[in-house]
Amino acid sequence: MVINPEFEKLIPALTAEEFNQLELNCIAEGIREPLIIWNDTLIDGHNRYKIALKNNLIFGVLQKDFENESDVKVWMIKNQFGRRNLNNYQRSVLALELESVFSEKAKEKELIRKSTFQISEKSEINLFKEEKKEIEEEVWVKKEIVKPETINSVKEIAKISNVSHDTIAKVKVIEQKATPEQKQLLQKGDTSINSIYQEIKKEEKKENFEAKKLEFEKPIKIINTNQVIILGDSTKVLPTLEKNTFDLLLTDPPYGMDFKSGWNDKDKIANDKIKDTISLFENILRESVPLLKDNAHFYIFGNIDFMSEIKPIIEKYLNLKNILIWDRKVIGMGDLRTYGFSYDIVYFGYNKIWKDLNGTRDRDILSFNRVTPSANIHPTEKPIDLLEYLIKKSSNENDKILEPFAGGGSALIACKNTNRLATGIEIEEKYFNLIKERI
């Protein structure tokens, strides 16, 4: 008698206690039911066959006829469902064995269909040739392609195992990813399918988080990328740049505060009165958006005092997703009798199509130390590590970044450090020259 391992694995394994009890019963009562074979291959009674050989017991044999192995597998599994008290996990595992069977059947039907179609097509071609000999006019032969009958494997499997589609889907994941210990608990009925499934999903989520974190934080080997700095008025320069080119808009426009720092002797910032800022900002944004790819992100630094004026302009041209808070970790100048002002805001969103951020899901609080005012190059210079973080979250190496208000060039340096290609525009020549030295 032949033992086919593929057939044998379709029989749910007995526990040691169950096998011992079956053996005692067979010794006491004999093997009452015949073993079933297909040709010379055993397809039912594997445990009884082992017991019979071990104890020299007599057994009967019943021959069944099937067209192929696929039909044998279907019969074996249905036979197990009819004769054994199986839990939902065991039933689902058995039924999943039929997935490949259904797939093979579908392939067989497709081969038959193609073979039939080819024979039919040849006959039609020959008929066409015969008719063409008899008549001189053009003849068209109409061919109808019949799609093969498909088998809905999920529906059939759920029906056979008498469990829900959802249970089948969960067991399929469990069979691929569960540990032997977890499967053993399910076999014994000591835990639920949903419990093991949730454990697997929790572990997957943790692994995915760690993988994304490692990928995001891995050291970057800096190459000599060419950063572009252009001297000029952004309203005039932007229309000359190539459209649909940039992967990220990262900019720090004038805040509208008529800025003059008391910490250093830096000059006032051009266009830094709010009435100038609103007009200038909308003009720049209008010219910048056509340069962005559809899935480009944007980060626009701002001041909370002017959100009511700036936010509607952004929403007019782009899709605002979040307003991030940059915690500068120090208290600024102001009324000493109340809370100290220690943050700025960053408008974040996308152009037309959303793309996921890189790395893990982080908080909307950005904790980065500000640049020491006495040591900064530009009056409102942003820390390079903050800019690097934002650049990495929303772009990949060799992506192109646009900065219409280059200022002291921090964004261009951050792009260089992260292997991105920046194009910056600066209206003031002294800062333009300074940026060229820095990059």
Protein backbone atom coordinates (compact mmCIF):
# COMPACT_ATOMS: atom_id res chain seq x y z
CA MET A 1 0.00 0.00 0.00
CA VAL A 2 1.35 3.41 -1.00
CA ILE A 3 1.42 6.35 1.43
CA ASN A 4 1.33 9.69 -0.36
CA PRO A 5 2.73 12.43 1.95
CA GLU A 6 0.53 15.04 0.22
CA PHE A 7 -2.54 13.00 1.09
CA GLU A 8 -1.38 12.12 4.60
CA LYS A 9 -0.92 15.76 5.62
CA LEU A 10 -4.60 16.35 4.86
CA ILE A 11 -5.50 14.21 7.87
CA PRO A 12 -5.58 16.35 11.06
CA ALA A 13 -3.04 14.90 13.46
CA LEU A 14 -4.33 13.13 16.56
CA THR A 15 -2.98 14.06 19.95
CA ALA A 16 -0.98 11.38 21.75
CA GLU A 17 -3.96 10.68 23.99
CA GLU A 18 -6.34 10.37 21.02
CA PHE A 19 -3.99 8.00 19.17
CA ASN A 20 -3.54 5.80 22.25
CA GLN A 21 -7.31 5.58 22.76
CA LEU A 22 -7.83 4.67 19.10
CA GLU A 23 -5.17 1.99 19.39
CA LEU A 24 -6.84 0.50 22.48
CA ASN A 25 -10.18 0.45 20.69
CA CYS A 26 -8.72 -1.25 17.61
CA ILE A 27 -7.01 -3.92 19.72
CA ALA A 28 -10.18 -4.59 21.70
CA GLU A 29 -12.71 -4.46 18.88
CA GLY A 30 -10.62 -4.95 15.73
CA ILE A 31 -10.50 -2.55 12.77
CA ARG A 32 -14.14 -2.50 11.88
CA GLU A 33 -14.14 0.04 9.06
CA PRO A 34 -12.20 -0.69 5.86
CA LEU A 35 -9.25 1.42 4.78
CA ILE A 36 -9.99 3.31 1.60
CA ILE A 37 -7.57 3.40 -1.31
CA TRP A 38 -7.34 5.05 -4.72
CA ASN A 39 -5.47 2.65 -7.00
CA ASP A 40 -2.77 1.48 -4.54
CA THR A 41 -2.66 4.74 -2.51
CA LEU A 42 -4.18 5.04 0.94
CA ILE A 43 -6.62 7.97 1.16
CA ASP A 44 -8.49 7.23 4.40
CA GLY A 45 -7.45 5.32 7.54
CA HIS A 46 -3.83 6.37 7.97
CA ASN A 47 -3.89 6.09 11.78
CA ARG A 48 -5.67 2.73 11.68
CA TYR A 49 -3.14 1.50 9.11
CA LYS A 50 -0.25 2.37 11.44
CA ILE A 51 -1.98 0.67 14.34
CA ALA A 52 -2.70 -2.44 12.24
CA LEU A 53 0.95 -2.77 11.16
CA LYS A 54 2.18 -2.24 14.71
CA ASN A 55 -0.19 -4.79 16.26
CA ASN A 56 -0.60 -7.25 13.35
CA LEU A 57 -4.29 -6.53 13.06
CA ILE A 58 -6.44 -7.57 10.10
CA PHE A 59 -8.16 -4.83 8.10
CA GLY A 60 -10.36 -4.59 5.05
CA VAL A 61 -9.84 -2.40 1.98
CA LEU A 62 -12.31 -0.43 -0.12
CA GLN A 63 -11.32 0.82 -3.58
CA LYS A 64 -12.60 4.21 -4.82
CA ASP A 65 -12.17 5.66 -8.28
CA PHE A 66 -11.30 9.29 -9.00
CA GLU A 67 -10.18 11.03 -12.18
CA ASN A 68 -7.19 12.77 -10.60
CA GLU A 69 -5.44 13.75 -7.38
CA SER A 70 -7.41 16.98 -7.13
CA ASP A 71 -10.65 15.07 -6.85
CA VAL A 72 -9.06 12.79 -4.24
CA LYS A 73 -8.08 15.78 -2.09
CA VAL A 74 -11.56 17.26 -2.28
CA TRP A 75 -13.10 13.94 -1.21
CA MET A 76 -10.60 13.43 1.64
CA ILE A 77 -11.24 16.84 3.15
CA LYS A 78 -15.00 16.61 2.86
CA ASN A 79 -14.78 13.15 4.38
CA GLN A 80 -12.89 14.54 7.37
CA PHE A 81 -15.54 17.22 7.87
CA GLY A 82 -18.23 14.58 7.91
CA ARG A 83 -16.57 12.19 10.34
CA ARG A 84 -14.56 14.22 12.84
CA ASN A 85 -15.33 16.80 15.50
CA LEU A 86 -13.02 19.60 14.36
CA ASN A 87 -12.78 23.13 15.74
CA ASN A 88 -13.01 26.16 13.44
CA TYR A 89 -9.24 26.47 13.14
CA GLN A 90 -8.82 22.84 12.08
CA ARG A 91 -11.71 23.12 9.63
CA SER A 92 -10.27 26.28 8.11
CA VAL A 93 -6.79 24.80 7.77
CA LEU A 94 -8.22 21.78 6.01
CA ALA A 95 -10.34 23.86 3.68
CA LEU A 96 -7.36 26.09 2.81
CA GLU A 97 -5.66 23.00 1.41
CA LEU A 98 -8.31 23.12 -1.29
CA GLU A 99 -7.23 26.57 -2.46
CA SER A 100 -4.51 25.10 -4.64
CA VAL A 101 -6.97 22.46 -5.84
CA PHE A 102 -9.43 25.08 -7.04
CA SER A 103 -6.60 27.00 -8.65
CA GLU A 104 -5.46 23.91 -10.53
CA LYS A 105 -9.00 23.19 -11.66
CA ALA A 106 -9.32 26.70 -13.01
CA LYS A 107 -6.06 26.27 -14.92
CA GLU A 108 -7.24 22.94 -16.32
CA LYS A 109 -10.49 24.51 -17.54
CA GLU A 110 -8.55 27.37 -19.11
CA LEU A 111 -6.29 24.90 -20.96
CA ILE A 112 -9.32 22.99 -22.20
CA ARG A 113 -10.95 26.23 -23.34
CA LYS A 114 -7.81 27.35 -25.18
CA SER A 115 -7.40 23.95 -26.81
CA THR A 116 -11.05 23.92 -27.90
CA PHE A 117 -10.80 27.48 -29.18
CA GLN A 118 -7.65 26.70 -31.21
CA ILE A 119 -9.33 23.69 -32.86
CA SER A 120 -12.41 25.79 -33.59
CA GLU A 121 -10.29 28.62 -34.93
CA LYS A 122 -8.42 26.27 -37.30
CA SER A 123 -11.72 24.86 -38.54
CA GLU A 124 -13.04 28.35 -39.20
CA ILE A 125 -9.85 29.30 -41.04
CA ASN A 126 -10.11 26.20 -43.24
CA LEU A 127 -13.76 26.96 -43.85
CA PHE A 128 -12.83 30.51 -44.74
CA LYS A 129 -10.25 29.27 -47.27
CA GLU A 130 -12.75 26.90 -48.88
CA GLU A 131 -15.36 29.62 -49.15
CA LYS A 132 -12.79 32.03 -50.58
CA LYS A 133 -12.07 29.59 -53.36
CA GLU A 134 -15.74 29.47 -54.27
CA ILE A 135 -16.49 33.19 -54.05
CA GLU A 136 -14.41 36.20 -54.96
CA GLU A 137 -15.84 38.66 -52.46
CA GLU A 138 -14.31 39.28 -49.02
CA VAL A 139 -15.57 36.99 -46.27
CA TRP A 140 -15.49 37.82 -42.53
CA VAL A 141 -15.44 35.03 -39.95
CA LYS A 142 -16.99 35.92 -36.59
CA LYS A 143 -15.33 34.37 -33.55
CA GLU A 144 -16.82 34.41 -30.06
CA ILE A 145 -14.42 33.99 -27.14
CA VAL A 146 -16.04 32.30 -24.16
CA LYS A 147 -14.47 33.05 -20.80
CA PRO A 148 -13.63 29.99 -18.71
CA GLU A 149 -15.81 29.18 -15.75
CA THR A 150 -14.10 30.55 -12.67
CA ILE A 151 -14.17 29.13 -9.17
CA ASN A 152 -14.50 31.59 -6.29
CA SER A 153 -12.01 29.89 -4.00
CA VAL A 154 -12.74 32.03 -0.93
CA LYS A 155 -16.47 31.45 -1.26
CA GLU A 156 -16.05 27.72 -1.84
CA ILE A 157 -13.54 27.30 0.98
CA ALA A 158 -15.76 29.14 3.45
CA LYS A 159 -18.74 27.05 2.35
CA ILE A 160 -16.87 23.76 2.71
CA SER A 161 -15.39 24.59 6.11
CA ASN A 162 -18.66 26.05 7.42
CA VAL A 163 -16.90 29.15 8.77
CA SER A 164 -17.04 32.81 7.74
CA HIS A 165 -14.95 34.46 5.03
CA ASP A 166 -13.33 36.57 7.74
CA THR A 167 -12.25 33.46 9.66
CA ILE A 168 -10.74 31.95 6.51
CA ALA A 169 -8.80 35.16 5.84
CA LYS A 170 -7.45 35.24 9.40
CA VAL A 171 -6.45 31.56 9.36
CA LYS A 172 -4.66 32.11 6.08
CA VAL A 173 -2.52 34.77 7.77
CA ILE A 174 -2.00 32.52 10.79
CA GLU A 175 -0.78 29.63 8.63
CA GLN A 176 1.77 31.93 7.01
CA LYS A 177 3.04 33.78 10.08
CA ALA A 178 2.11 32.08 13.35
CA THR A 179 4.68 30.24 15.44
CA PRO A 180 4.42 26.45 15.93
CA GLU A 181 3.48 27.14 19.55
CA GLN A 182 0.60 29.39 18.50
CA LYS A 183 -0.67 26.81 16.00
CA GLN A 184 -0.49 24.10 18.66
CA LEU A 185 -2.67 26.16 20.99
CA LEU A 186 -5.22 26.54 18.20
CA GLN A 187 -5.15 22.84 17.40
CA LYS A 188 -5.96 22.06 21.04
CA GLY A 189 -8.64 24.75 21.18
CA ASP A 190 -6.82 26.53 24.01
CA THR A 191 -7.07 29.92 22.34
CA SER A 192 -9.13 31.67 19.68
CA ILE A 193 -8.36 32.41 16.06
CA ASN A 194 -8.90 36.12 16.66
CA SER A 195 -6.49 36.20 19.63
CA ILE A 196 -3.63 34.68 17.62
CA TYR A 197 -4.47 36.88 14.62
CA GLN A 198 -4.32 40.01 16.77
CA GLU A 199 -0.98 38.89 18.25
CA ILE A 200 0.42 38.50 14.74
CA LYS A 201 -0.90 41.90 13.64
CA LYS A 202 0.51 43.54 16.75
CA GLU A 203 3.92 42.01 16.06
CA GLU A 204 3.73 43.02 12.39
CA LYS A 205 2.92 46.59 13.40
CA LYS A 206 5.87 46.64 15.79
CA GLU A 207 8.24 45.20 13.19
CA ASN A 208 6.98 47.64 10.57
CA PHE A 209 7.46 50.54 12.98
CA GLU A 210 11.01 49.48 13.82
CA ALA A 211 11.88 48.94 10.14
CA LYS A 212 10.60 52.38 9.18
CA LYS A 213 12.41 53.96 12.12
CA LEU A 214 15.71 52.32 11.23
CA GLU A 215 15.35 53.26 7.56
CA PHE A 216 14.56 56.87 8.42
CA GLU A 217 17.39 57.21 10.94
CA LYS A 218 20.10 55.40 9.01
CA PRO A 219 23.20 57.54 8.38
CA ILE A 220 23.31 59.33 5.04
CA LYS A 221 26.50 59.21 3.02
CA ILE A 222 26.74 62.77 1.75
CA ILE A 223 27.62 63.16 -1.89
CA ASN A 224 28.54 66.40 -3.63
CA THR A 225 25.08 67.41 -4.81
CA ASN A 226 24.81 70.64 -6.72
CA GLN A 227 22.56 73.12 -4.94
CA VAL A 228 21.25 75.99 -7.07
CA ILE A 229 20.98 79.51 -5.65
CA ILE A 230 19.51 82.24 -7.84
CA LEU A 231 19.80 85.97 -7.17
CA GLY A 232 16.56 87.73 -7.97
CA ASP A 233 12.93 88.43 -7.23
CA SER A 234 11.03 85.15 -6.82
CA THR A 235 7.96 86.56 -8.57
CA LYS A 236 10.09 86.96 -11.69
CA VAL A 237 12.38 83.92 -11.29
CA LEU A 238 9.74 81.27 -10.55
CA PRO A 239 7.95 81.56 -13.93
CA THR A 240 11.24 80.71 -15.66
CA LEU A 241 11.64 77.35 -13.85
CA GLU A 242 10.46 74.01 -15.21
CA LYS A 243 6.93 73.04 -14.28
CA ASN A 244 5.96 69.83 -12.45
CA THR A 245 9.55 69.32 -11.30
CA PHE A 246 9.84 69.79 -7.53
CA ASP A 247 9.05 67.15 -4.91
CA LEU A 248 8.84 69.52 -1.97
CA LEU A 249 8.18 73.21 -1.29
CA LEU A 250 10.08 74.21 1.85
CA THR A 251 10.05 77.90 2.57
CA ASP A 252 10.28 80.52 5.30
CA PRO A 253 8.55 83.62 3.96
CA PRO A 254 8.66 86.99 5.72
CA TYR A 255 6.56 86.79 8.88
CA GLY A 256 4.98 90.21 8.58
CA MET A 257 6.49 91.46 11.84
CA ASP A 258 8.66 94.30 10.54
CA PHE A 259 11.43 92.17 12.06
CA LYS A 260 14.48 93.75 13.71
CA SER A 261 16.27 91.60 16.27
CA GLY A 262 17.52 93.17 19.46
CA TRP A 263 20.17 90.47 19.83
CA ASN A 264 22.33 91.46 16.92
CA ASP A 265 22.96 94.12 14.33
CA LYS A 266 21.31 92.31 11.42
CA ASP A 267 19.34 94.51 9.04
CA LYS A 268 15.59 94.42 8.75
CA ILE A 269 14.14 91.78 6.44
CA ALA A 270 12.87 92.92 3.08
CA ASN A 271 9.09 92.76 2.53
CA ASP A 272 8.50 92.02 6.21
CA LYS A 273 5.47 94.17 6.91
CA ILE A 274 2.21 92.25 6.96
CA LYS A 275 0.62 94.27 4.15
CA ASP A 276 3.66 93.49 1.98
CA THR A 277 3.74 89.87 3.11
CA ILE A 278 0.16 89.02 2.15
CA SER A 279 0.53 90.31 -1.38
CA LEU A 280 4.01 88.90 -1.88
CA PHE A 281 3.19 85.53 -0.34
CA GLU A 282 0.17 84.95 -2.57
CA ASN A 283 2.13 85.92 -5.67
CA ILE A 284 4.96 83.55 -4.76
CA LEU A 285 2.59 80.69 -3.93
CA ARG A 286 0.67 81.16 -7.16
CA GLU A 287 3.90 80.91 -9.17
CA SER A 288 5.30 78.02 -7.07
CA VAL A 289 2.39 75.57 -7.28
CA PRO A 290 2.72 74.85 -11.05
CA LEU A 291 6.35 73.91 -10.43
CA LEU A 292 5.40 71.18 -7.97
CA LYS A 293 4.69 67.55 -8.78
CA ASP A 294 1.12 66.48 -8.07
CA ASN A 295 2.18 64.51 -4.97
CA ALA A 296 4.60 67.12 -3.65
CA HIS A 297 4.44 68.10 0.02
CA PHE A 298 4.96 71.59 1.39
CA TYR A 299 6.23 73.12 4.64
CA ILE A 300 5.69 76.84 5.09
CA PHE A 301 6.96 78.47 8.27
CA GLY A 302 4.68 81.06 9.79
CA ASN A 303 3.69 83.07 12.82
CA ILE A 304 0.55 82.38 14.84
CA ASP A 305 -0.36 86.09 14.92
CA PHE A 306 -1.01 86.17 11.18
CA MET A 307 -2.68 82.78 10.69
CA SER A 308 -6.02 84.38 9.78
CA GLU A 309 -4.36 86.16 6.85
CA ILE A 310 -1.93 83.47 5.65
CA LYS A 311 -3.95 80.24 6.13
CA PRO A 312 -6.70 81.15 3.59
CA ILE A 313 -4.06 81.90 0.96
CA ILE A 314 -2.46 78.49 1.43
CA GLU A 315 -5.83 76.74 1.27
CA LYS A 316 -6.62 78.61 -1.95
CA TYR A 317 -3.74 76.95 -3.82
CA LEU A 318 -2.80 73.81 -1.85
CA ASN A 319 -4.28 71.13 0.43
CA LEU A 320 -3.48 71.98 4.04
CA LYS A 321 -3.07 68.79 6.10
CA ASN A 322 -1.72 69.95 9.48
CA ILE A 323 -0.42 72.97 11.31
CA LEU A 324 2.71 71.78 13.10
CA ILE A 325 4.13 73.40 16.20
CA TRP A 326 7.86 74.07 16.32
CA ASP A 327 8.91 74.14 19.97
CA ARG A 328 12.03 76.30 20.02
CA LYS A 329 12.76 75.18 23.61
CA VAL A 330 13.48 78.71 24.76
CA ILE A 331 11.29 81.65 25.75
CA GLY A 332 11.46 84.70 23.52
CA MET A 333 11.30 88.36 24.44
CA GLY A 334 8.01 89.82 25.67
CA ASP A 335 5.87 90.50 28.71
CA LEU A 336 7.70 88.99 31.68
CA ARG A 337 4.49 88.85 33.72
CA THR A 338 2.82 86.14 31.59
CA TYR A 339 3.67 82.97 29.70
CA GLY A 340 6.72 83.19 27.51
CA PHE A 341 6.32 82.79 23.75
CA SER A 342 8.40 79.80 22.66
CA TYR A 343 7.03 78.40 19.41
CA ASP A 344 6.36 79.00 15.74
CA ILE A 345 3.96 77.22 13.41
CA VAL A 346 4.63 75.28 10.22
CA TYR A 347 1.88 74.82 7.63
CA PHE A 348 2.08 71.29 6.19
CA GLY A 349 0.19 69.66 3.34
CA TYR A 350 0.32 68.51 -0.26
CA ASN A 351 -0.31 69.71 -3.80
CA LYS A 352 -2.97 67.48 -5.43
CA ILE A 353 -2.30 63.84 -4.53
CA TRP A 354 -1.43 62.66 -1.03
CA LYS A 355 1.69 60.53 -0.51
CA ASP A 356 2.65 58.98 2.81
CA LEU A 357 5.36 60.45 4.98
CA ASN A 358 8.62 58.60 5.42
CA GLY A 359 9.51 57.00 8.73
CA THR A 360 7.07 56.46 11.58
CA ARG A 361 3.97 58.40 12.58
CA ASP A 362 5.41 61.24 14.65
CA ARG A 363 3.83 63.91 16.82
CA ASP A 364 2.93 67.30 15.40
CA ILE A 365 5.20 68.95 17.96
CA LEU A 366 8.67 69.57 16.51
CA SER A 367 11.18 69.94 19.34
CA PHE A 368 14.35 71.52 17.95
CA ASN A 369 16.54 74.18 19.52
CA ARG A 370 16.49 77.50 17.73
CA VAL A 371 19.66 78.99 16.28
CA THR A 372 21.31 81.23 18.85
CA PRO A 373 20.37 84.78 17.79
CA SER A 374 23.86 86.15 18.42
CA ALA A 375 25.37 83.52 16.12
CA ASN A 376 22.81 83.32 13.33
CA ILE A 377 23.49 84.34 9.77
CA HIS A 378 19.99 85.53 8.94
CA PRO A 379 17.57 87.23 11.39
CA THR A 380 15.01 84.41 11.20
CA GLU A 381 17.35 81.51 10.45
CA LYS A 382 15.89 78.06 11.05
CA PRO A 383 17.94 75.23 12.59
CA ILE A 384 19.43 72.90 10.01
CA ASP A 385 18.51 69.75 11.96
CA LEU A 386 14.84 70.78 11.90
CA LEU A 387 14.97 71.37 8.15
CA GLU A 388 16.76 68.05 7.60
CA TYR A 389 14.02 66.27 9.53
CA LEU A 390 11.23 67.83 7.46
CA ILE A 391 13.08 67.16 4.21
CA LYS A 392 13.58 63.50 5.07
CA LYS A 393 9.95 63.06 6.11
CA SER A 394 8.60 64.32 2.77
CA SER A 395 11.19 63.48 0.12
CA ASN A 396 13.77 60.94 -0.97
CA GLU A 397 17.39 61.21 -1.97
CA ASN A 398 17.91 63.04 -5.28
CA ASP A 399 14.46 64.67 -5.04
CA LYS A 400 14.21 68.35 -5.89
CA ILE A 401 13.35 70.96 -3.27
CA LEU A 402 12.14 74.51 -3.91
CA GLU A 403 12.87 77.44 -1.53
CA PRO A 404 11.68 80.83 -2.91
CA PHE A 405 12.92 82.71 0.22
CA ALA A 406 16.43 81.30 0.67
CA GLY A 407 17.50 83.76 3.38
CA GLY A 408 20.74 82.50 4.91
CA GLY A 409 20.65 79.25 2.91
CA SER A 410 19.88 76.82 5.72
CA ALA A 411 17.41 74.88 3.58
CA LEU A 412 20.02 74.43 0.84
CA ILE A 413 22.56 73.15 3.36
CA ALA A 414 19.97 70.76 4.80
CA CYS A 415 19.30 69.48 1.28
CA LYS A 416 23.01 68.99 0.68
CA ASN A 417 23.33 67.05 3.96
CA THR A 418 20.46 64.75 2.95
CA ASN A 419 21.40 64.29 -0.71
CA ARG A 420 18.53 66.33 -2.11
CA LEU A 421 18.76 68.90 -4.89
CA ALA A 422 17.67 72.36 -3.81
CA THR A 423 16.81 75.41 -5.88
CA GLY A 424 16.81 78.55 -3.77
CA ILE A 425 15.97 82.13 -4.70
CA GLU A 426 17.24 85.11 -2.71
CA ILE A 427 16.45 88.75 -3.45
CA GLU A 428 19.23 90.32 -1.36
CA GLU A 429 22.72 90.11 -2.86
CA LYS A 430 24.59 89.94 0.43
CA TYR A 431 22.68 86.81 1.46
CA PHE A 432 23.00 85.39 -2.04
CA ASN A 433 26.80 85.70 -1.79
CA LEU A 434 26.77 84.23 1.70
CA ILE A 435 24.76 81.23 0.57
CA LYS A 436 27.19 80.57 -2.31
CA GLU A 437 30.00 80.38 0.27
CA ARG A 438 28.04 78.04 2.53
CA ILE A 439 27.05 75.51 -0.14
